[in-house]
N, C-alpha and C. Protein backbone atom coordinates (compact mmCIF):
# COMPACT_ATOMS: atom_id res chain seq x y z
N UNK A 1 4.27 16.65 3.69
CA UNK A 1 4.51 15.72 4.78
C UNK A 1 5.92 15.93 5.33
N UNK A 2 6.01 16.18 6.61
CA UNK A 2 7.30 16.37 7.26
C UNK A 2 7.94 15.02 7.55
N UNK A 3 9.20 14.88 7.17
CA UNK A 3 9.90 13.63 7.43
C UNK A 3 9.94 13.33 8.93
N UNK A 4 9.73 12.05 9.27
CA UNK A 4 9.79 11.63 10.65
C UNK A 4 8.56 11.94 11.48
N UNK A 5 7.56 12.61 10.87
CA UNK A 5 6.33 12.97 11.59
C UNK A 5 5.25 11.93 11.31
N UNK A 6 4.55 11.46 12.34
CA UNK A 6 3.50 10.47 12.10
C UNK A 6 2.44 10.97 11.12
N UNK A 7 2.11 10.15 10.15
CA UNK A 7 1.03 10.39 9.20
C UNK A 7 -0.02 9.31 9.41
N UNK A 8 -1.28 9.62 9.14
CA UNK A 8 -2.36 8.68 9.39
C UNK A 8 -2.99 8.24 8.06
N UNK A 9 -3.03 6.94 7.86
CA UNK A 9 -3.72 6.35 6.71
C UNK A 9 -5.09 5.92 7.19
N UNK A 10 -6.15 6.50 6.61
CA UNK A 10 -7.52 6.20 7.02
C UNK A 10 -8.37 5.99 5.78
N UNK A 11 -9.53 5.35 5.95
CA UNK A 11 -10.32 4.93 4.80
C UNK A 11 -11.79 5.30 4.97
N UNK A 12 -12.41 5.64 3.84
CA UNK A 12 -13.85 5.82 3.76
C UNK A 12 -14.40 4.76 2.81
N UNK A 13 -15.43 4.02 3.24
CA UNK A 13 -15.98 2.95 2.43
C UNK A 13 -15.96 1.64 3.20
N UNK A 14 -16.78 0.69 2.79
CA UNK A 14 -16.97 -0.53 3.58
C UNK A 14 -16.56 -1.80 2.85
N UNK A 15 -16.16 -1.73 1.59
CA UNK A 15 -15.78 -2.92 0.83
C UNK A 15 -14.33 -3.29 1.13
N UNK A 16 -14.12 -3.86 2.33
CA UNK A 16 -12.76 -4.13 2.81
C UNK A 16 -12.32 -5.57 2.54
N UNK A 17 -13.20 -6.41 2.01
CA UNK A 17 -12.85 -7.78 1.58
C UNK A 17 -12.11 -8.57 2.65
N UNK A 18 -12.54 -8.45 3.89
CA UNK A 18 -11.93 -9.22 4.96
C UNK A 18 -10.56 -8.74 5.39
N UNK A 19 -10.15 -7.59 4.91
CA UNK A 19 -8.82 -7.08 5.22
C UNK A 19 -7.80 -7.55 4.20
N UNK A 20 -6.62 -7.90 4.67
CA UNK A 20 -5.53 -8.29 3.79
C UNK A 20 -4.26 -7.61 4.22
N UNK A 21 -3.38 -7.34 3.28
CA UNK A 21 -2.10 -6.69 3.59
C UNK A 21 -1.91 -5.49 2.67
N UNK A 22 -1.27 -4.44 3.21
CA UNK A 22 -1.09 -3.19 2.48
C UNK A 22 0.35 -2.70 2.59
N UNK A 23 0.75 -1.88 1.62
CA UNK A 23 2.05 -1.20 1.68
C UNK A 23 1.86 0.27 1.34
N UNK A 24 2.72 1.10 1.92
CA UNK A 24 2.82 2.52 1.57
C UNK A 24 4.19 2.71 0.93
N UNK A 25 4.19 3.26 -0.28
CA UNK A 25 5.44 3.41 -1.05
C UNK A 25 5.50 4.80 -1.65
N UNK A 26 6.69 5.19 -2.08
CA UNK A 26 6.85 6.47 -2.77
C UNK A 26 7.78 6.33 -3.96
N UNK A 27 7.61 7.24 -4.92
CA UNK A 27 8.56 7.44 -6.00
C UNK A 27 8.74 8.94 -6.16
N UNK A 28 9.91 9.34 -6.62
CA UNK A 28 10.16 10.76 -6.87
C UNK A 28 9.87 11.13 -8.32
N UNK A 29 9.47 10.15 -9.14
CA UNK A 29 9.06 10.44 -10.51
C UNK A 29 7.71 11.14 -10.48
N UNK A 30 7.60 12.25 -11.20
CA UNK A 30 6.38 13.04 -11.16
C UNK A 30 6.05 13.58 -12.55
N UNK A 31 5.12 12.93 -13.27
CA UNK A 31 4.31 11.80 -12.84
C UNK A 31 5.04 10.48 -13.01
N UNK A 32 4.58 9.42 -12.35
CA UNK A 32 5.19 8.10 -12.54
C UNK A 32 5.04 7.62 -13.98
N UNK A 33 5.99 6.80 -14.41
CA UNK A 33 5.97 6.24 -15.76
C UNK A 33 6.13 4.72 -15.68
N UNK A 34 6.21 4.09 -16.83
CA UNK A 34 6.36 2.64 -16.89
C UNK A 34 7.65 2.16 -16.24
N UNK A 35 8.64 3.02 -16.14
CA UNK A 35 9.93 2.61 -15.57
C UNK A 35 10.13 3.11 -14.14
N UNK A 36 9.11 3.74 -13.56
CA UNK A 36 9.24 4.26 -12.20
C UNK A 36 9.36 3.12 -11.19
N UNK A 37 10.20 3.36 -10.18
CA UNK A 37 10.29 2.42 -9.07
C UNK A 37 9.65 3.03 -7.84
N UNK A 38 8.69 2.32 -7.29
CA UNK A 38 8.09 2.71 -6.02
C UNK A 38 8.80 1.95 -4.91
N UNK A 39 9.25 2.67 -3.90
CA UNK A 39 9.99 2.08 -2.79
C UNK A 39 9.13 2.09 -1.53
N UNK A 40 9.16 0.98 -0.80
CA UNK A 40 8.29 0.79 0.36
C UNK A 40 8.82 1.52 1.58
N UNK A 41 7.94 2.30 2.21
CA UNK A 41 8.31 2.96 3.47
C UNK A 41 7.56 2.36 4.67
N UNK A 42 6.48 1.60 4.42
CA UNK A 42 5.76 0.97 5.52
C UNK A 42 4.92 -0.18 4.99
N UNK A 43 4.93 -1.33 5.70
CA UNK A 43 4.12 -2.49 5.34
C UNK A 43 3.19 -2.84 6.50
N UNK A 44 1.95 -3.18 6.14
CA UNK A 44 0.96 -3.64 7.12
C UNK A 44 0.58 -5.06 6.73
N UNK A 45 0.95 -6.02 7.53
CA UNK A 45 0.74 -7.42 7.21
C UNK A 45 -0.45 -7.94 8.01
N UNK A 46 -1.57 -8.16 7.31
CA UNK A 46 -2.80 -8.59 7.94
C UNK A 46 -3.60 -7.42 8.46
N UNK A 47 -4.94 -7.53 8.39
CA UNK A 47 -5.81 -6.53 8.99
C UNK A 47 -5.82 -5.18 8.34
N UNK A 48 -5.61 -5.11 7.03
CA UNK A 48 -5.64 -3.83 6.32
C UNK A 48 -6.45 -3.99 5.04
N UNK A 49 -7.44 -3.13 4.81
CA UNK A 49 -7.74 -1.86 5.48
C UNK A 49 -8.74 -1.96 6.64
N UNK A 50 -8.95 -3.15 7.17
CA UNK A 50 -9.78 -3.31 8.37
C UNK A 50 -9.17 -4.42 9.21
N UNK A 51 -9.04 -4.18 10.51
CA UNK A 51 -8.32 -5.13 11.36
C UNK A 51 -9.14 -6.35 11.76
N UNK A 52 -10.45 -6.20 11.88
CA UNK A 52 -11.27 -7.30 12.39
C UNK A 52 -12.55 -7.44 11.57
N UNK A 53 -12.38 -7.66 10.28
CA UNK A 53 -13.53 -7.78 9.38
C UNK A 53 -13.60 -9.20 8.82
N UNK A 54 -14.75 -9.86 9.04
CA UNK A 54 -14.93 -11.20 8.49
C UNK A 54 -15.20 -11.15 6.99
N UNK A 55 -15.73 -10.04 6.52
CA UNK A 55 -16.00 -9.82 5.10
C UNK A 55 -15.94 -8.34 4.84
N UNK A 56 -17.05 -7.75 4.36
CA UNK A 56 -17.15 -6.31 4.23
C UNK A 56 -17.77 -5.72 5.49
N UNK A 57 -17.69 -4.41 5.63
CA UNK A 57 -18.22 -3.73 6.82
C UNK A 57 -19.62 -3.18 6.59
N UNK A 58 -20.26 -3.60 5.51
CA UNK A 58 -21.58 -3.10 5.15
C UNK A 58 -21.60 -2.73 3.69
N UNK A 59 -22.51 -1.85 3.31
CA UNK A 59 -22.61 -1.45 1.91
C UNK A 59 -22.75 0.05 1.74
N UNK A 60 -22.23 0.80 2.68
CA UNK A 60 -22.29 2.26 2.61
C UNK A 60 -20.94 2.81 2.14
N UNK A 61 -20.86 3.32 0.89
CA UNK A 61 -19.59 3.83 0.38
C UNK A 61 -19.10 5.09 1.09
N UNK A 62 -19.98 5.72 1.89
CA UNK A 62 -19.60 6.95 2.58
C UNK A 62 -19.30 6.73 4.06
N UNK A 63 -19.39 5.48 4.52
CA UNK A 63 -19.13 5.19 5.93
C UNK A 63 -17.64 5.29 6.22
N UNK A 64 -17.32 5.78 7.40
CA UNK A 64 -15.93 5.91 7.83
C UNK A 64 -15.47 4.59 8.41
N UNK A 65 -14.39 4.06 7.89
CA UNK A 65 -13.77 2.86 8.46
C UNK A 65 -13.12 3.27 9.79
N UNK A 66 -13.43 2.57 10.89
CA UNK A 66 -12.88 3.00 12.19
C UNK A 66 -11.39 2.75 12.35
N UNK A 67 -10.81 1.90 11.51
CA UNK A 67 -9.39 1.56 11.68
C UNK A 67 -8.50 2.58 10.99
N UNK A 68 -7.42 2.96 11.67
CA UNK A 68 -6.42 3.87 11.12
C UNK A 68 -5.04 3.25 11.29
N UNK A 69 -4.10 3.68 10.45
CA UNK A 69 -2.76 3.11 10.43
C UNK A 69 -1.74 4.25 10.34
N UNK A 70 -0.69 4.15 11.12
CA UNK A 70 0.31 5.21 11.17
C UNK A 70 1.55 4.83 10.37
N UNK A 71 2.09 5.80 9.67
CA UNK A 71 3.36 5.61 8.96
C UNK A 71 4.14 6.92 9.01
N UNK A 72 5.42 6.84 8.68
CA UNK A 72 6.27 8.04 8.64
C UNK A 72 7.11 8.03 7.36
N UNK A 73 7.38 9.22 6.85
CA UNK A 73 8.37 9.37 5.79
C UNK A 73 9.74 9.27 6.44
N UNK A 74 10.59 8.32 6.05
CA UNK A 74 11.90 8.18 6.70
C UNK A 74 12.71 9.47 6.64
N UNK A 75 13.41 9.77 7.71
CA UNK A 75 14.16 11.03 7.81
C UNK A 75 15.36 11.08 6.88
N UNK A 76 15.83 9.92 6.38
CA UNK A 76 17.01 9.93 5.52
C UNK A 76 16.66 10.00 4.03
N UNK A 77 15.38 10.18 3.70
CA UNK A 77 14.98 10.30 2.30
C UNK A 77 15.09 11.75 1.85
N UNK A 78 15.28 11.98 0.54
CA UNK A 78 15.35 13.36 0.04
C UNK A 78 14.02 14.10 0.21
N UNK A 79 14.09 15.39 0.35
CA UNK A 79 12.89 16.23 0.36
C UNK A 79 12.51 16.56 -1.08
N UNK A 80 11.29 17.08 -1.25
CA UNK A 80 10.84 17.49 -2.57
C UNK A 80 9.53 16.85 -2.96
N UNK A 81 9.14 17.08 -4.21
CA UNK A 81 7.89 16.52 -4.72
C UNK A 81 8.02 15.02 -4.95
N UNK A 82 6.97 14.28 -4.60
CA UNK A 82 6.98 12.83 -4.74
C UNK A 82 5.56 12.34 -4.98
N UNK A 83 5.44 11.06 -5.27
CA UNK A 83 4.14 10.42 -5.40
C UNK A 83 4.04 9.33 -4.36
N UNK A 84 3.01 9.40 -3.53
CA UNK A 84 2.75 8.40 -2.49
C UNK A 84 1.79 7.37 -3.04
N UNK A 85 2.06 6.09 -2.80
CA UNK A 85 1.18 5.02 -3.25
C UNK A 85 0.73 4.16 -2.08
N UNK A 86 -0.55 3.81 -2.08
CA UNK A 86 -1.10 2.81 -1.17
C UNK A 86 -1.48 1.60 -2.02
N UNK A 87 -0.95 0.42 -1.69
CA UNK A 87 -1.29 -0.80 -2.41
C UNK A 87 -1.88 -1.82 -1.44
N UNK A 88 -2.74 -2.68 -1.96
CA UNK A 88 -3.52 -3.59 -1.11
C UNK A 88 -3.71 -4.92 -1.81
N UNK A 89 -3.43 -6.00 -1.09
CA UNK A 89 -3.73 -7.36 -1.52
C UNK A 89 -4.85 -7.86 -0.62
N UNK A 90 -6.06 -7.95 -1.17
CA UNK A 90 -7.24 -8.27 -0.37
C UNK A 90 -7.25 -9.74 0.08
N UNK A 91 -7.93 -9.98 1.19
CA UNK A 91 -7.97 -11.33 1.77
C UNK A 91 -9.08 -12.18 1.16
N UNK A 92 -10.28 -11.61 0.96
CA UNK A 92 -11.44 -12.35 0.49
C UNK A 92 -11.89 -11.78 -0.85
N UNK A 93 -12.25 -12.69 -1.78
CA UNK A 93 -12.73 -12.26 -3.08
C UNK A 93 -11.75 -12.61 -4.18
N UNK A 94 -11.95 -12.03 -5.36
CA UNK A 94 -11.07 -12.29 -6.48
C UNK A 94 -9.65 -11.90 -6.14
N UNK A 95 -8.69 -12.61 -6.72
CA UNK A 95 -7.27 -12.29 -6.48
C UNK A 95 -6.94 -11.05 -7.28
N UNK A 96 -6.84 -9.93 -6.60
CA UNK A 96 -6.69 -8.63 -7.24
C UNK A 96 -5.51 -7.87 -6.64
N UNK A 97 -5.20 -6.73 -7.27
CA UNK A 97 -4.16 -5.83 -6.78
C UNK A 97 -4.71 -4.42 -6.87
N UNK A 98 -4.80 -3.75 -5.73
CA UNK A 98 -5.35 -2.40 -5.68
C UNK A 98 -4.22 -1.40 -5.46
N UNK A 99 -4.31 -0.25 -6.15
CA UNK A 99 -3.29 0.78 -6.00
C UNK A 99 -3.92 2.15 -6.18
N UNK A 100 -3.61 3.05 -5.27
CA UNK A 100 -4.04 4.45 -5.38
C UNK A 100 -2.84 5.34 -5.10
N UNK A 101 -2.80 6.48 -5.77
CA UNK A 101 -1.65 7.39 -5.64
C UNK A 101 -2.10 8.80 -5.29
N UNK A 102 -1.17 9.56 -4.73
CA UNK A 102 -1.41 10.97 -4.43
C UNK A 102 -0.10 11.73 -4.52
N UNK A 103 -0.16 12.94 -5.06
CA UNK A 103 1.02 13.80 -5.11
C UNK A 103 1.26 14.40 -3.72
N UNK A 104 2.50 14.37 -3.27
CA UNK A 104 2.84 14.94 -1.96
C UNK A 104 4.11 15.77 -2.09
N UNK A 105 4.35 16.60 -1.08
CA UNK A 105 5.62 17.31 -0.96
C UNK A 105 6.26 16.90 0.36
N UNK A 106 7.46 16.36 0.27
CA UNK A 106 8.19 15.89 1.46
C UNK A 106 9.07 17.03 1.96
N UNK A 107 8.95 17.35 3.25
CA UNK A 107 9.69 18.46 3.85
C UNK A 107 10.66 17.95 4.89
N UNK A 108 11.77 18.65 5.04
CA UNK A 108 12.76 18.27 6.04
C UNK A 108 14.16 18.39 5.48
N UNK A 109 15.14 18.47 6.37
CA UNK A 109 16.53 18.64 5.95
C UNK A 109 17.19 17.30 5.64
N UNK A 110 18.25 17.37 4.84
CA UNK A 110 19.08 16.20 4.57
C UNK A 110 18.40 15.20 3.67
N UNK A 111 18.88 13.95 3.72
CA UNK A 111 18.35 12.90 2.88
C UNK A 111 19.25 12.62 1.70
N UNK A 112 19.15 11.40 1.18
CA UNK A 112 20.02 11.02 0.06
C UNK A 112 19.32 10.04 -0.86
N UNK A 113 19.74 10.04 -2.10
CA UNK A 113 19.24 9.09 -3.09
C UNK A 113 19.61 7.67 -2.69
N UNK A 114 20.77 7.50 -2.08
CA UNK A 114 21.22 6.17 -1.67
C UNK A 114 20.26 5.55 -0.66
N UNK A 115 19.74 6.37 0.26
CA UNK A 115 18.78 5.87 1.25
C UNK A 115 17.49 5.42 0.58
N UNK A 116 17.05 6.18 -0.42
CA UNK A 116 15.85 5.79 -1.18
C UNK A 116 16.10 4.49 -1.92
N UNK A 117 17.23 4.38 -2.60
CA UNK A 117 17.54 3.18 -3.38
C UNK A 117 17.63 1.94 -2.52
N UNK A 118 17.99 2.11 -1.24
CA UNK A 118 18.17 0.96 -0.35
C UNK A 118 16.84 0.38 0.14
N UNK A 119 15.74 1.11 -0.02
CA UNK A 119 14.44 0.61 0.41
C UNK A 119 13.98 -0.53 -0.49
N UNK A 120 13.14 -1.44 0.03
CA UNK A 120 12.64 -2.53 -0.82
C UNK A 120 11.67 -2.01 -1.88
N UNK A 121 11.61 -2.71 -2.99
CA UNK A 121 10.67 -2.37 -4.04
C UNK A 121 9.25 -2.74 -3.63
N UNK A 122 8.29 -1.96 -4.09
CA UNK A 122 6.88 -2.28 -3.87
C UNK A 122 6.57 -3.66 -4.43
N UNK A 123 5.84 -4.45 -3.66
CA UNK A 123 5.51 -5.81 -4.09
C UNK A 123 4.22 -5.80 -4.90
N UNK A 124 4.25 -6.50 -6.03
CA UNK A 124 3.10 -6.59 -6.94
C UNK A 124 2.74 -8.05 -7.13
N UNK A 125 1.44 -8.36 -7.09
CA UNK A 125 0.98 -9.73 -7.32
C UNK A 125 -0.40 -9.71 -7.96
N UNK A 126 -0.80 -10.85 -8.51
CA UNK A 126 -2.14 -11.09 -9.06
C UNK A 126 -2.43 -10.36 -10.36
N UNK A 127 -1.46 -9.73 -10.95
CA UNK A 127 -1.61 -9.11 -12.27
C UNK A 127 -0.40 -9.49 -13.10
N UNK A 128 -0.48 -9.39 -14.43
CA UNK A 128 0.65 -9.80 -15.27
C UNK A 128 1.97 -9.12 -14.91
N UNK A 129 1.90 -7.89 -14.40
CA UNK A 129 3.11 -7.18 -14.04
C UNK A 129 3.72 -7.68 -12.74
N UNK A 130 3.08 -8.64 -12.09
CA UNK A 130 3.52 -9.14 -10.80
C UNK A 130 4.56 -10.23 -10.86
N UNK A 131 5.20 -10.42 -12.03
CA UNK A 131 6.29 -11.39 -12.17
C UNK A 131 5.90 -12.79 -11.70
N UNK A 132 4.66 -13.19 -12.00
CA UNK A 132 4.24 -14.54 -11.70
C UNK A 132 3.86 -14.80 -10.26
N UNK A 133 3.67 -13.75 -9.46
CA UNK A 133 3.29 -13.92 -8.05
C UNK A 133 1.77 -13.84 -7.89
N UNK A 134 1.24 -14.77 -7.09
CA UNK A 134 -0.17 -14.79 -6.78
C UNK A 134 -0.34 -14.94 -5.27
N UNK A 135 -1.53 -14.55 -4.79
CA UNK A 135 -1.82 -14.69 -3.37
C UNK A 135 -2.97 -15.67 -3.19
N UNK A 136 -3.03 -16.29 -2.02
CA UNK A 136 -4.08 -17.25 -1.71
C UNK A 136 -5.26 -16.55 -1.05
N UNK A 137 -6.48 -16.91 -1.48
CA UNK A 137 -7.66 -16.35 -0.84
C UNK A 137 -7.75 -16.83 0.61
N UNK A 138 -8.23 -15.92 1.45
CA UNK A 138 -8.40 -16.14 2.90
C UNK A 138 -7.06 -16.26 3.63
N UNK A 139 -6.01 -15.75 3.01
CA UNK A 139 -4.70 -15.67 3.66
C UNK A 139 -4.29 -14.20 3.78
N UNK A 140 -3.70 -13.85 4.90
CA UNK A 140 -3.09 -12.53 5.07
C UNK A 140 -1.65 -12.64 4.58
N UNK A 141 -1.33 -11.95 3.51
CA UNK A 141 -0.06 -12.16 2.83
C UNK A 141 1.10 -11.54 3.61
N UNK A 142 2.16 -12.32 3.74
CA UNK A 142 3.42 -11.83 4.29
C UNK A 142 4.29 -11.38 3.12
N UNK A 143 4.68 -10.12 3.12
CA UNK A 143 5.48 -9.60 2.02
C UNK A 143 6.87 -10.21 2.02
N UNK A 144 7.41 -10.55 0.84
CA UNK A 144 8.75 -11.12 0.79
C UNK A 144 9.82 -10.20 1.39
N UNK A 145 9.67 -8.89 1.19
CA UNK A 145 10.61 -7.93 1.76
C UNK A 145 9.81 -6.72 2.24
N UNK A 146 9.29 -6.77 3.47
CA UNK A 146 8.42 -5.69 3.94
C UNK A 146 9.15 -4.42 4.35
N UNK A 147 10.49 -4.47 4.47
CA UNK A 147 11.24 -3.31 4.91
C UNK A 147 11.39 -3.28 6.42
N UNK A 148 11.88 -2.16 6.93
CA UNK A 148 12.14 -2.02 8.36
C UNK A 148 10.96 -1.49 9.15
N UNK A 149 10.02 -0.85 8.48
CA UNK A 149 8.83 -0.30 9.14
C UNK A 149 7.66 -1.22 8.85
N UNK A 150 7.31 -2.06 9.83
CA UNK A 150 6.30 -3.10 9.61
C UNK A 150 5.31 -3.13 10.76
N UNK A 151 4.02 -3.18 10.43
CA UNK A 151 2.97 -3.44 11.41
C UNK A 151 2.35 -4.79 11.05
N UNK A 152 2.38 -5.73 11.98
CA UNK A 152 1.75 -7.03 11.77
C UNK A 152 0.55 -7.11 12.68
N UNK A 153 -0.63 -7.20 12.07
CA UNK A 153 -1.88 -7.22 12.82
C UNK A 153 -2.22 -8.67 13.16
N UNK A 154 -2.05 -9.04 14.41
CA UNK A 154 -2.32 -10.41 14.85
C UNK A 154 -3.78 -10.56 15.27
N UNK A 155 -4.22 -11.80 15.40
CA UNK A 155 -5.58 -12.07 15.87
C UNK A 155 -5.99 -13.47 15.51
N UNK A 156 -7.05 -13.97 16.14
CA UNK A 156 -7.48 -15.35 15.89
C UNK A 156 -7.96 -15.59 14.46
N UNK A 157 -8.37 -14.52 13.77
CA UNK A 157 -8.85 -14.68 12.40
C UNK A 157 -7.74 -14.50 11.36
N UNK A 158 -6.51 -14.29 11.81
CA UNK A 158 -5.41 -14.05 10.88
C UNK A 158 -4.73 -15.37 10.52
N UNK A 159 -4.56 -15.61 9.24
CA UNK A 159 -3.90 -16.80 8.74
C UNK A 159 -2.86 -16.33 7.72
N UNK A 160 -1.61 -16.23 8.16
CA UNK A 160 -0.56 -15.63 7.34
C UNK A 160 0.06 -16.64 6.39
N UNK A 161 0.43 -16.16 5.21
CA UNK A 161 1.08 -17.01 4.22
C UNK A 161 1.88 -16.14 3.26
N UNK A 162 3.01 -16.63 2.76
CA UNK A 162 3.74 -15.88 1.74
C UNK A 162 3.03 -16.00 0.40
N UNK A 163 3.30 -15.11 -0.55
CA UNK A 163 2.74 -15.26 -1.89
C UNK A 163 3.36 -16.47 -2.59
N UNK A 164 2.69 -16.92 -3.63
CA UNK A 164 3.19 -18.02 -4.45
C UNK A 164 3.75 -17.42 -5.73
N UNK A 165 5.05 -17.54 -5.93
CA UNK A 165 5.71 -16.91 -7.08
C UNK A 165 6.38 -17.97 -7.94
N UNK A 166 6.18 -17.85 -9.26
CA UNK A 166 6.81 -18.79 -10.19
C UNK A 166 8.27 -18.44 -10.44
N UNK A 167 8.65 -17.19 -10.11
CA UNK A 167 10.05 -16.77 -10.22
C UNK A 167 10.27 -15.62 -9.25
N UNK A 168 11.51 -15.25 -9.05
CA UNK A 168 11.81 -14.17 -8.12
C UNK A 168 11.16 -12.89 -8.60
N UNK A 169 10.32 -12.24 -7.78
CA UNK A 169 9.62 -11.03 -8.22
C UNK A 169 10.55 -9.85 -8.39
N UNK A 170 10.28 -9.07 -9.44
CA UNK A 170 11.05 -7.85 -9.68
C UNK A 170 10.49 -6.67 -8.91
N UNK A 171 9.21 -6.76 -8.51
CA UNK A 171 8.54 -5.74 -7.68
C UNK A 171 8.44 -4.37 -8.34
N UNK A 172 8.62 -4.28 -9.63
CA UNK A 172 8.63 -2.94 -10.25
C UNK A 172 7.26 -2.60 -10.82
N UNK A 173 6.75 -1.44 -10.46
CA UNK A 173 5.48 -0.97 -11.00
C UNK A 173 5.64 -0.70 -12.49
N UNK A 174 4.64 -1.07 -13.28
CA UNK A 174 4.69 -0.86 -14.72
C UNK A 174 3.58 0.09 -15.13
N UNK A 175 3.57 0.44 -16.39
CA UNK A 175 2.60 1.41 -16.88
C UNK A 175 1.18 0.93 -16.65
N UNK A 176 0.92 -0.37 -16.83
CA UNK A 176 -0.44 -0.88 -16.63
C UNK A 176 -0.87 -0.76 -15.18
N UNK A 177 0.04 -1.03 -14.25
CA UNK A 177 -0.29 -0.94 -12.82
C UNK A 177 -0.56 0.49 -12.41
N UNK A 178 0.15 1.44 -13.02
CA UNK A 178 -0.01 2.84 -12.66
C UNK A 178 -1.24 3.44 -13.31
N UNK A 179 -1.46 3.11 -14.59
CA UNK A 179 -2.49 3.80 -15.36
C UNK A 179 -3.87 3.19 -15.23
N UNK A 180 -3.98 1.90 -14.85
CA UNK A 180 -5.26 1.24 -14.80
C UNK A 180 -5.79 1.19 -13.38
N UNK A 181 -6.85 1.94 -13.04
CA UNK A 181 -7.39 1.90 -11.69
C UNK A 181 -7.98 0.54 -11.38
N UNK A 182 -7.71 0.03 -10.17
CA UNK A 182 -8.20 -1.29 -9.81
C UNK A 182 -9.68 -1.27 -9.48
N UNK A 183 -10.18 -0.18 -8.94
CA UNK A 183 -11.57 -0.10 -8.53
C UNK A 183 -12.15 1.23 -9.00
N UNK A 184 -13.24 1.18 -9.74
CA UNK A 184 -13.88 2.41 -10.18
C UNK A 184 -14.46 3.14 -8.98
N UNK A 185 -14.25 4.45 -8.94
CA UNK A 185 -14.81 5.26 -7.88
C UNK A 185 -13.96 5.34 -6.63
N UNK A 186 -12.71 4.90 -6.72
CA UNK A 186 -11.83 4.97 -5.56
C UNK A 186 -10.94 6.20 -5.69
N UNK A 187 -10.84 6.98 -4.62
CA UNK A 187 -10.02 8.18 -4.64
C UNK A 187 -9.12 8.19 -3.41
N UNK A 188 -7.85 8.45 -3.62
CA UNK A 188 -6.92 8.62 -2.50
C UNK A 188 -6.63 10.10 -2.37
N UNK A 189 -6.83 10.65 -1.18
CA UNK A 189 -6.60 12.08 -0.97
C UNK A 189 -5.75 12.27 0.27
N UNK A 190 -4.92 13.28 0.24
CA UNK A 190 -4.12 13.64 1.41
C UNK A 190 -4.73 14.90 2.00
N UNK A 191 -5.13 14.82 3.26
CA UNK A 191 -5.71 15.97 3.94
C UNK A 191 -4.94 16.21 5.22
N UNK A 192 -4.06 17.19 5.21
CA UNK A 192 -3.24 17.44 6.37
C UNK A 192 -2.34 16.24 6.62
N UNK A 193 -2.53 15.60 7.77
CA UNK A 193 -1.72 14.44 8.09
C UNK A 193 -2.50 13.15 7.89
N UNK A 194 -3.59 13.20 7.11
CA UNK A 194 -4.40 12.00 6.90
C UNK A 194 -4.42 11.64 5.43
N UNK A 195 -3.99 10.41 5.13
CA UNK A 195 -4.13 9.89 3.76
C UNK A 195 -5.40 9.06 3.74
N UNK A 196 -6.38 9.47 2.94
CA UNK A 196 -7.69 8.86 2.99
C UNK A 196 -7.99 8.18 1.67
N UNK A 197 -8.31 6.89 1.72
CA UNK A 197 -8.73 6.16 0.54
C UNK A 197 -10.24 6.07 0.55
N UNK A 198 -10.87 6.53 -0.51
CA UNK A 198 -12.33 6.54 -0.58
C UNK A 198 -12.77 5.54 -1.64
N UNK A 199 -13.53 4.51 -1.23
CA UNK A 199 -13.95 3.44 -2.14
C UNK A 199 -15.46 3.42 -2.25
N UNK A 200 -15.96 3.26 -3.47
CA UNK A 200 -17.41 3.16 -3.67
C UNK A 200 -17.78 1.75 -4.08
């Protein structure tokens, strides 16, 4: 992935749970470990992974979701091997936390560790590693620190709310969040400039 070049996040599958909110994050740890920090490069508040879904989009795991989302690797980040993460807090259904990862190579000149460190930490909720944060069903979650690259999907069906946290969240991914897949049969793949999440 070339820094500063638009990348497309797209999805295959119809179990979109009414949408919700998503983040795109990276870590330079390869592979990630229990102490890895994922830093947010783009937040989508509401309408992800579907912008106008009252529930699911059907029951075909091979159907193409028509909605796509654009993000960029910031130009001030270091180049090299990294791990890209897509995380999702669903709007309808059980209070869950979904995460998929893919190995990527970031290309481009310049960049610094300081710029990476300055990015917000990936937000985690609804699991023990989420530092006591939970989300409300039928709410599009507003991230406590979404970063500078934010897409907010507005609409009459959007009802935004912050998460409910018992203490200040640490936002750090842990071994359980990395190693335990949230949904069986879900695959995240990078194809050219398209990051595709495939859900069954």
